[in-house]
């Protein structure tokens, strides 16, 4: 009599270890932001401690603002034994989708006490337009 070995097939519901997204991309932190508007401007604020203004890359394209940078830990040591570790060190980025178009030529960025503030002037577009019906000739 021949012995038959039945191999258990992996379940589709089990995670596939070989397809981890973390292996494809470097981990990247995300910024917390506040976005608010006035009648004329949209503002974005973010606390970005430990990063100098010249180390930030800010771009505005169409209705998307992208903020990129990196926090460098200058006190990295092999001998440290962390008791509690919450600070994120390394690259970070954030994309903010704006509710309307802005005047990219007049965007202003300031940084004060570690808080980045972007002022994005709204494009002046007419919200309502009256249409006059012309008579046929």
N, C-alpha and C. Protein backbone atom coordinates (compact mmCIF):
# COMPACT_ATOMS: atom_id res chain seq x y z
N UNK A 1 0.84 -1.16 0.00
CA UNK A 1 0.00 0.00 0.00
C UNK A 1 0.90 1.24 0.00
N UNK A 2 0.57 2.22 -0.85
CA UNK A 2 1.35 3.45 -0.99
C UNK A 2 0.88 4.47 0.03
N UNK A 3 1.85 5.13 0.67
CA UNK A 3 1.52 6.14 1.67
C UNK A 3 1.30 7.48 0.97
N UNK A 4 0.21 8.16 1.27
CA UNK A 4 -0.11 9.46 0.68
C UNK A 4 0.08 10.52 1.76
N UNK A 5 0.87 11.53 1.41
CA UNK A 5 1.10 12.64 2.34
C UNK A 5 0.25 13.82 1.90
N UNK A 6 -0.52 14.32 2.82
CA UNK A 6 -1.35 15.49 2.52
C UNK A 6 -0.70 16.70 3.16
N UNK A 7 -0.35 17.67 2.32
CA UNK A 7 0.25 18.90 2.82
C UNK A 7 -0.85 19.92 3.04
N UNK A 8 -0.77 20.58 4.16
CA UNK A 8 -1.76 21.62 4.45
C UNK A 8 -1.46 22.85 3.59
N UNK A 9 -2.47 23.32 2.89
CA UNK A 9 -2.31 24.51 2.05
C UNK A 9 -2.47 25.75 2.92
N UNK A 10 -1.66 26.77 2.65
CA UNK A 10 -1.81 28.00 3.44
C UNK A 10 -3.15 28.66 3.17
N UNK A 11 -3.72 29.22 4.20
CA UNK A 11 -5.00 29.91 4.06
C UNK A 11 -4.80 31.23 3.34
N UNK A 12 -5.76 31.59 2.53
CA UNK A 12 -5.73 32.87 1.83
C UNK A 12 -5.82 34.02 2.83
N UNK A 13 -6.44 33.76 3.96
CA UNK A 13 -6.63 34.80 4.96
C UNK A 13 -5.38 35.06 5.79
N UNK A 14 -4.42 34.15 5.77
CA UNK A 14 -3.19 34.35 6.53
C UNK A 14 -2.33 35.40 5.81
N UNK A 15 -1.62 36.24 6.56
CA UNK A 15 -0.76 37.24 5.91
C UNK A 15 0.37 36.56 5.14
N UNK A 16 0.68 37.11 4.01
CA UNK A 16 1.77 36.58 3.19
C UNK A 16 3.03 37.33 3.60
N UNK A 17 3.91 36.64 4.27
CA UNK A 17 5.11 37.26 4.82
C UNK A 17 6.01 37.87 3.75
N UNK A 18 6.04 37.28 2.57
CA UNK A 18 6.95 37.76 1.53
C UNK A 18 6.51 39.08 0.92
N UNK A 19 5.29 39.49 1.13
CA UNK A 19 4.78 40.69 0.47
C UNK A 19 4.58 41.85 1.45
N UNK A 20 5.51 42.05 2.31
CA UNK A 20 5.41 43.16 3.26
C UNK A 20 5.75 44.47 2.56
N UNK A 21 4.87 45.43 2.68
CA UNK A 21 5.09 46.74 2.07
C UNK A 21 6.27 47.44 2.74
N UNK A 22 6.48 47.19 4.04
CA UNK A 22 7.57 47.85 4.75
C UNK A 22 8.93 47.57 4.10
N UNK A 23 9.06 46.40 3.47
CA UNK A 23 10.32 46.05 2.82
C UNK A 23 10.56 46.84 1.54
N UNK A 24 9.51 47.34 0.94
CA UNK A 24 9.63 48.05 -0.34
C UNK A 24 9.98 49.52 -0.15
N UNK A 25 9.55 50.11 0.94
CA UNK A 25 9.73 51.54 1.16
C UNK A 25 10.42 51.77 2.49
N UNK A 26 11.18 52.85 2.53
CA UNK A 26 11.75 53.28 3.80
C UNK A 26 10.61 53.83 4.65
N UNK A 27 10.62 53.59 5.95
CA UNK A 27 9.58 54.16 6.79
C UNK A 27 9.67 55.68 6.76
N UNK A 28 8.54 56.33 6.72
CA UNK A 28 8.51 57.78 6.62
C UNK A 28 7.45 58.30 7.57
N UNK A 29 7.80 59.31 8.34
CA UNK A 29 6.86 59.90 9.27
C UNK A 29 5.91 60.84 8.55
N UNK A 30 4.83 61.17 9.23
CA UNK A 30 3.84 62.07 8.65
C UNK A 30 3.64 63.24 9.61
N UNK A 31 3.50 64.42 9.06
CA UNK A 31 3.30 65.62 9.87
C UNK A 31 1.85 65.77 10.27
N UNK A 32 1.64 66.26 11.47
CA UNK A 32 0.31 66.68 11.88
C UNK A 32 0.15 68.13 11.41
N UNK A 33 -0.98 68.45 10.81
CA UNK A 33 -1.20 69.80 10.29
C UNK A 33 -2.57 70.32 10.71
N UNK A 34 -2.67 71.63 10.78
CA UNK A 34 -3.95 72.33 10.89
C UNK A 34 -4.14 73.08 9.60
N UNK A 35 -5.32 72.97 9.01
CA UNK A 35 -5.64 73.70 7.77
C UNK A 35 -6.91 74.49 8.04
N UNK A 36 -6.84 75.80 7.80
CA UNK A 36 -8.02 76.64 7.98
C UNK A 36 -8.03 77.70 6.90
N UNK A 37 -9.17 78.39 6.77
CA UNK A 37 -9.28 79.39 5.71
C UNK A 37 -9.98 80.64 6.20
N UNK A 38 -9.67 81.72 5.51
CA UNK A 38 -10.39 82.97 5.66
C UNK A 38 -11.04 83.23 4.31
N UNK A 39 -11.62 84.37 4.16
CA UNK A 39 -12.26 84.70 2.88
C UNK A 39 -11.26 84.74 1.74
N UNK A 40 -10.02 85.19 2.02
CA UNK A 40 -9.03 85.38 0.96
C UNK A 40 -7.91 84.34 0.92
N UNK A 41 -7.67 83.65 2.03
CA UNK A 41 -6.49 82.77 2.11
C UNK A 41 -6.82 81.41 2.72
N UNK A 42 -5.95 80.43 2.41
CA UNK A 42 -5.94 79.14 3.09
C UNK A 42 -4.63 79.09 3.87
N UNK A 43 -4.68 78.64 5.11
CA UNK A 43 -3.50 78.55 5.96
C UNK A 43 -3.23 77.10 6.34
N UNK A 44 -1.95 76.75 6.37
CA UNK A 44 -1.53 75.43 6.84
C UNK A 44 -0.49 75.68 7.92
N UNK A 45 -0.67 75.05 9.08
CA UNK A 45 0.30 75.17 10.17
C UNK A 45 0.72 73.78 10.62
N UNK A 46 2.02 73.66 10.96
CA UNK A 46 2.54 72.38 11.43
C UNK A 46 3.72 72.63 12.36
N UNK A 47 3.72 71.94 13.49
CA UNK A 47 4.86 72.01 14.41
C UNK A 47 5.94 71.08 13.89
N UNK A 48 7.08 71.66 13.53
CA UNK A 48 8.17 70.88 12.94
C UNK A 48 9.43 71.15 13.76
N UNK A 49 9.51 70.56 14.92
CA UNK A 49 10.66 70.78 15.80
C UNK A 49 11.88 70.05 15.27
N UNK A 50 13.03 70.67 15.46
CA UNK A 50 14.29 70.02 15.11
C UNK A 50 14.68 70.08 13.65
N UNK A 51 13.98 70.89 12.86
CA UNK A 51 14.29 71.01 11.43
C UNK A 51 14.43 72.49 11.11
N UNK A 52 15.54 72.86 10.47
CA UNK A 52 15.75 74.25 10.07
C UNK A 52 14.95 74.53 8.79
N UNK A 53 14.50 75.76 8.59
CA UNK A 53 13.71 76.10 7.41
C UNK A 53 14.37 75.70 6.09
N UNK A 54 15.69 75.85 5.99
CA UNK A 54 16.37 75.51 4.73
C UNK A 54 16.42 74.00 4.48
N UNK A 55 16.06 73.20 5.47
CA UNK A 55 16.03 71.74 5.31
C UNK A 55 14.66 71.22 4.88
N UNK A 56 13.70 72.12 4.72
CA UNK A 56 12.36 71.73 4.29
C UNK A 56 12.20 71.93 2.80
N UNK A 57 11.44 71.05 2.18
CA UNK A 57 11.09 71.16 0.76
C UNK A 57 9.58 71.30 0.69
N UNK A 58 9.12 72.47 0.27
CA UNK A 58 7.69 72.74 0.20
C UNK A 58 7.34 73.04 -1.24
N UNK A 59 6.33 72.35 -1.77
CA UNK A 59 5.90 72.62 -3.14
C UNK A 59 4.38 72.70 -3.20
N UNK A 60 3.91 73.51 -4.14
CA UNK A 60 2.48 73.66 -4.38
C UNK A 60 2.26 73.40 -5.86
N UNK A 61 1.46 72.39 -6.15
CA UNK A 61 1.17 72.05 -7.54
C UNK A 61 -0.33 71.80 -7.67
N UNK A 62 -0.96 72.60 -8.52
CA UNK A 62 -2.41 72.56 -8.68
C UNK A 62 -3.07 72.79 -7.32
N UNK A 63 -3.76 71.81 -6.79
CA UNK A 63 -4.43 71.99 -5.50
C UNK A 63 -3.81 71.10 -4.42
N UNK A 64 -2.52 70.78 -4.55
CA UNK A 64 -1.84 69.91 -3.59
C UNK A 64 -0.58 70.60 -3.05
N UNK A 65 -0.47 70.65 -1.73
CA UNK A 65 0.73 71.16 -1.07
C UNK A 65 1.50 69.96 -0.52
N UNK A 66 2.80 69.91 -0.80
CA UNK A 66 3.64 68.83 -0.29
C UNK A 66 4.74 69.43 0.58
N UNK A 67 4.89 68.89 1.78
CA UNK A 67 5.93 69.32 2.71
C UNK A 67 6.81 68.10 2.99
N UNK A 68 8.12 68.24 2.76
CA UNK A 68 9.07 67.14 2.99
C UNK A 68 10.26 67.65 3.80
N UNK A 69 10.84 66.75 4.55
CA UNK A 69 12.04 67.08 5.32
C UNK A 69 12.55 65.85 6.04
N UNK A 70 13.49 66.08 6.96
CA UNK A 70 14.03 64.97 7.75
C UNK A 70 14.50 65.51 9.10
N UNK A 71 14.20 64.76 10.14
CA UNK A 71 14.70 65.06 11.47
C UNK A 71 15.93 64.19 11.71
N UNK A 72 17.03 64.83 12.04
CA UNK A 72 18.27 64.09 12.28
C UNK A 72 18.52 64.00 13.78
N UNK A 73 18.74 62.79 14.25
CA UNK A 73 19.05 62.58 15.67
C UNK A 73 20.55 62.67 15.84
N UNK A 74 21.01 63.75 16.42
CA UNK A 74 22.45 63.97 16.56
C UNK A 74 23.04 63.21 17.74
N UNK A 75 22.21 62.57 18.53
CA UNK A 75 22.71 61.87 19.71
C UNK A 75 22.59 60.36 19.58
N UNK A 76 22.66 59.85 18.36
CA UNK A 76 22.56 58.40 18.15
C UNK A 76 23.77 57.72 18.77
N UNK A 77 23.50 56.69 19.53
CA UNK A 77 24.57 55.95 20.19
C UNK A 77 24.18 54.49 20.32
N UNK A 78 25.14 53.63 20.06
CA UNK A 78 24.91 52.19 20.17
C UNK A 78 24.72 51.77 21.63
N UNK A 79 25.24 52.57 22.56
CA UNK A 79 25.20 52.18 23.97
C UNK A 79 23.94 52.64 24.68
N UNK A 80 23.08 53.39 24.01
CA UNK A 80 21.85 53.86 24.65
C UNK A 80 20.89 52.70 24.86
N UNK A 81 20.25 52.70 25.99
CA UNK A 81 19.18 51.75 26.26
C UNK A 81 17.93 52.59 26.54
N UNK A 82 17.08 52.72 25.53
CA UNK A 82 15.90 53.55 25.67
C UNK A 82 14.93 52.95 26.68
N UNK A 83 14.40 53.78 27.55
CA UNK A 83 13.35 53.38 28.47
C UNK A 83 11.99 53.71 27.89
N UNK A 84 11.98 54.74 27.04
CA UNK A 84 10.74 55.16 26.37
C UNK A 84 11.16 55.89 25.11
N UNK A 85 10.61 55.54 23.96
CA UNK A 85 11.02 56.17 22.70
C UNK A 85 9.80 56.49 21.86
N UNK A 86 9.49 57.79 21.74
CA UNK A 86 8.34 58.23 20.95
C UNK A 86 8.71 59.16 19.81
N UNK A 87 9.85 59.81 19.90
CA UNK A 87 10.23 60.79 18.88
C UNK A 87 10.53 60.08 17.56
N UNK A 88 10.05 60.69 16.48
CA UNK A 88 10.33 60.12 15.16
C UNK A 88 11.54 60.83 14.58
N UNK A 89 12.54 60.04 14.17
CA UNK A 89 13.73 60.57 13.53
C UNK A 89 13.78 60.01 12.12
N UNK A 90 14.10 60.85 11.17
CA UNK A 90 14.19 60.40 9.79
C UNK A 90 13.31 61.23 8.88
N UNK A 91 13.11 60.73 7.68
CA UNK A 91 12.36 61.46 6.66
C UNK A 91 10.88 61.52 7.01
N UNK A 92 10.26 62.64 6.64
CA UNK A 92 8.81 62.80 6.81
C UNK A 92 8.27 63.54 5.61
N UNK A 93 6.99 63.36 5.35
CA UNK A 93 6.33 64.13 4.29
C UNK A 93 4.84 64.15 4.55
N UNK A 94 4.20 65.12 3.94
CA UNK A 94 2.75 65.24 4.06
C UNK A 94 2.23 65.94 2.81
N UNK A 95 1.16 65.40 2.25
CA UNK A 95 0.46 66.05 1.15
C UNK A 95 -0.89 66.52 1.66
N UNK A 96 -1.21 67.77 1.36
CA UNK A 96 -2.48 68.36 1.77
C UNK A 96 -3.23 68.74 0.52
N UNK A 97 -4.43 68.21 0.37
CA UNK A 97 -5.27 68.53 -0.78
C UNK A 97 -6.14 69.73 -0.41
N UNK A 98 -6.01 70.78 -1.20
CA UNK A 98 -6.71 72.03 -0.93
C UNK A 98 -8.12 72.00 -1.50
N UNK A 99 -9.05 72.72 -0.86
CA UNK A 99 -10.43 72.72 -1.34
C UNK A 99 -10.65 73.54 -2.60
N UNK A 100 -9.69 74.40 -2.93
CA UNK A 100 -9.79 75.20 -4.15
C UNK A 100 -8.40 75.63 -4.61
N UNK A 101 -8.34 76.17 -5.81
CA UNK A 101 -7.05 76.59 -6.36
C UNK A 101 -6.51 77.81 -5.63
N UNK A 102 -5.17 77.88 -5.58
CA UNK A 102 -4.51 79.01 -4.93
C UNK A 102 -3.55 79.67 -5.91
N UNK A 103 -3.17 80.90 -5.57
CA UNK A 103 -2.22 81.67 -6.37
C UNK A 103 -0.80 81.22 -5.99
N UNK A 104 -0.24 80.27 -6.74
CA UNK A 104 1.05 79.68 -6.37
C UNK A 104 2.19 80.70 -6.39
N UNK A 105 2.06 81.77 -7.15
CA UNK A 105 3.12 82.78 -7.22
C UNK A 105 3.22 83.61 -5.95
N UNK A 106 2.17 83.63 -5.15
CA UNK A 106 2.16 84.47 -3.95
C UNK A 106 2.04 83.69 -2.64
N UNK A 107 2.40 82.42 -2.66
CA UNK A 107 2.40 81.62 -1.43
C UNK A 107 3.52 82.12 -0.53
N UNK A 108 3.24 82.22 0.77
CA UNK A 108 4.25 82.66 1.74
C UNK A 108 4.43 81.58 2.80
N UNK A 109 5.68 81.37 3.21
CA UNK A 109 6.00 80.41 4.28
C UNK A 109 6.84 81.10 5.33
N UNK A 110 6.46 80.92 6.59
CA UNK A 110 7.24 81.45 7.71
C UNK A 110 7.41 80.35 8.75
N UNK A 111 8.48 80.48 9.53
CA UNK A 111 8.71 79.52 10.60
C UNK A 111 9.09 80.29 11.85
N UNK A 112 8.34 80.06 12.92
CA UNK A 112 8.60 80.76 14.17
C UNK A 112 8.45 79.77 15.32
N UNK A 113 9.48 79.68 16.13
CA UNK A 113 9.49 78.78 17.29
C UNK A 113 9.11 77.35 16.92
N UNK A 114 9.60 76.88 15.77
CA UNK A 114 9.35 75.50 15.35
C UNK A 114 7.99 75.26 14.72
N UNK A 115 7.23 76.33 14.47
CA UNK A 115 5.91 76.18 13.84
C UNK A 115 5.96 76.77 12.44
N UNK A 116 5.71 75.92 11.45
CA UNK A 116 5.66 76.34 10.05
C UNK A 116 4.26 76.84 9.74
N UNK A 117 4.17 78.01 9.09
CA UNK A 117 2.88 78.55 8.66
C UNK A 117 2.96 78.88 7.18
N UNK A 118 2.05 78.32 6.41
CA UNK A 118 1.94 78.64 4.99
C UNK A 118 0.67 79.46 4.78
N UNK A 119 0.81 80.56 4.03
CA UNK A 119 -0.35 81.35 3.63
C UNK A 119 -0.50 81.20 2.13
N UNK A 120 -1.63 80.66 1.71
CA UNK A 120 -1.88 80.40 0.29
C UNK A 120 -3.07 81.25 -0.16
N UNK A 121 -2.81 82.33 -0.90
CA UNK A 121 -3.91 83.17 -1.36
C UNK A 121 -4.82 82.42 -2.33
N UNK A 122 -6.11 82.53 -2.10
CA UNK A 122 -7.07 81.89 -3.00
C UNK A 122 -7.09 82.64 -4.33
N UNK A 123 -7.29 81.90 -5.41
CA UNK A 123 -7.45 82.55 -6.71
C UNK A 123 -8.79 83.25 -6.72
N UNK A 124 -8.79 84.44 -7.26
CA UNK A 124 -10.04 85.19 -7.32
C UNK A 124 -10.85 84.71 -8.50
N UNK A 125 -11.81 83.88 -8.21
CA UNK A 125 -12.70 83.39 -9.27
C UNK A 125 -14.12 83.76 -8.89
N UNK A 126 -14.88 84.06 -9.88
CA UNK A 126 -16.27 84.41 -9.63
C UNK A 126 -17.04 83.16 -9.26
N UNK A 127 -17.77 83.27 -8.15
CA UNK A 127 -18.57 82.13 -7.70
C UNK A 127 -19.89 82.05 -8.47
N UNK A 128 -20.41 83.21 -8.83
CA UNK A 128 -21.68 83.26 -9.55
C UNK A 128 -21.54 84.23 -10.71
N UNK A 129 -22.11 83.87 -11.82
CA UNK A 129 -22.09 84.76 -12.97
C UNK A 129 -23.48 84.78 -13.58
N UNK A 130 -23.98 85.97 -13.77
CA UNK A 130 -25.28 86.11 -14.44
C UNK A 130 -25.06 86.00 -15.93
N UNK A 131 -25.92 85.25 -16.57
CA UNK A 131 -25.80 85.04 -18.01
C UNK A 131 -26.98 85.73 -18.68
N UNK A 132 -26.64 86.61 -19.61
CA UNK A 132 -27.67 87.33 -20.34
C UNK A 132 -28.01 86.54 -21.60
N UNK A 133 -29.29 86.37 -21.84
CA UNK A 133 -29.74 85.65 -23.03
C UNK A 133 -29.86 86.65 -24.17
N UNK A 134 -29.15 86.33 -25.24
CA UNK A 134 -29.20 87.21 -26.40
C UNK A 134 -30.34 86.80 -27.31
N UNK A 135 -30.93 87.79 -27.96
CA UNK A 135 -32.02 87.52 -28.90
C UNK A 135 -31.45 87.02 -30.21
N UNK A 136 -32.16 86.08 -30.81
CA UNK A 136 -31.73 85.59 -32.12
C UNK A 136 -31.95 86.67 -33.16
N UNK A 137 -31.13 86.70 -34.17
CA UNK A 137 -31.25 87.71 -35.23
C UNK A 137 -31.84 87.12 -36.45
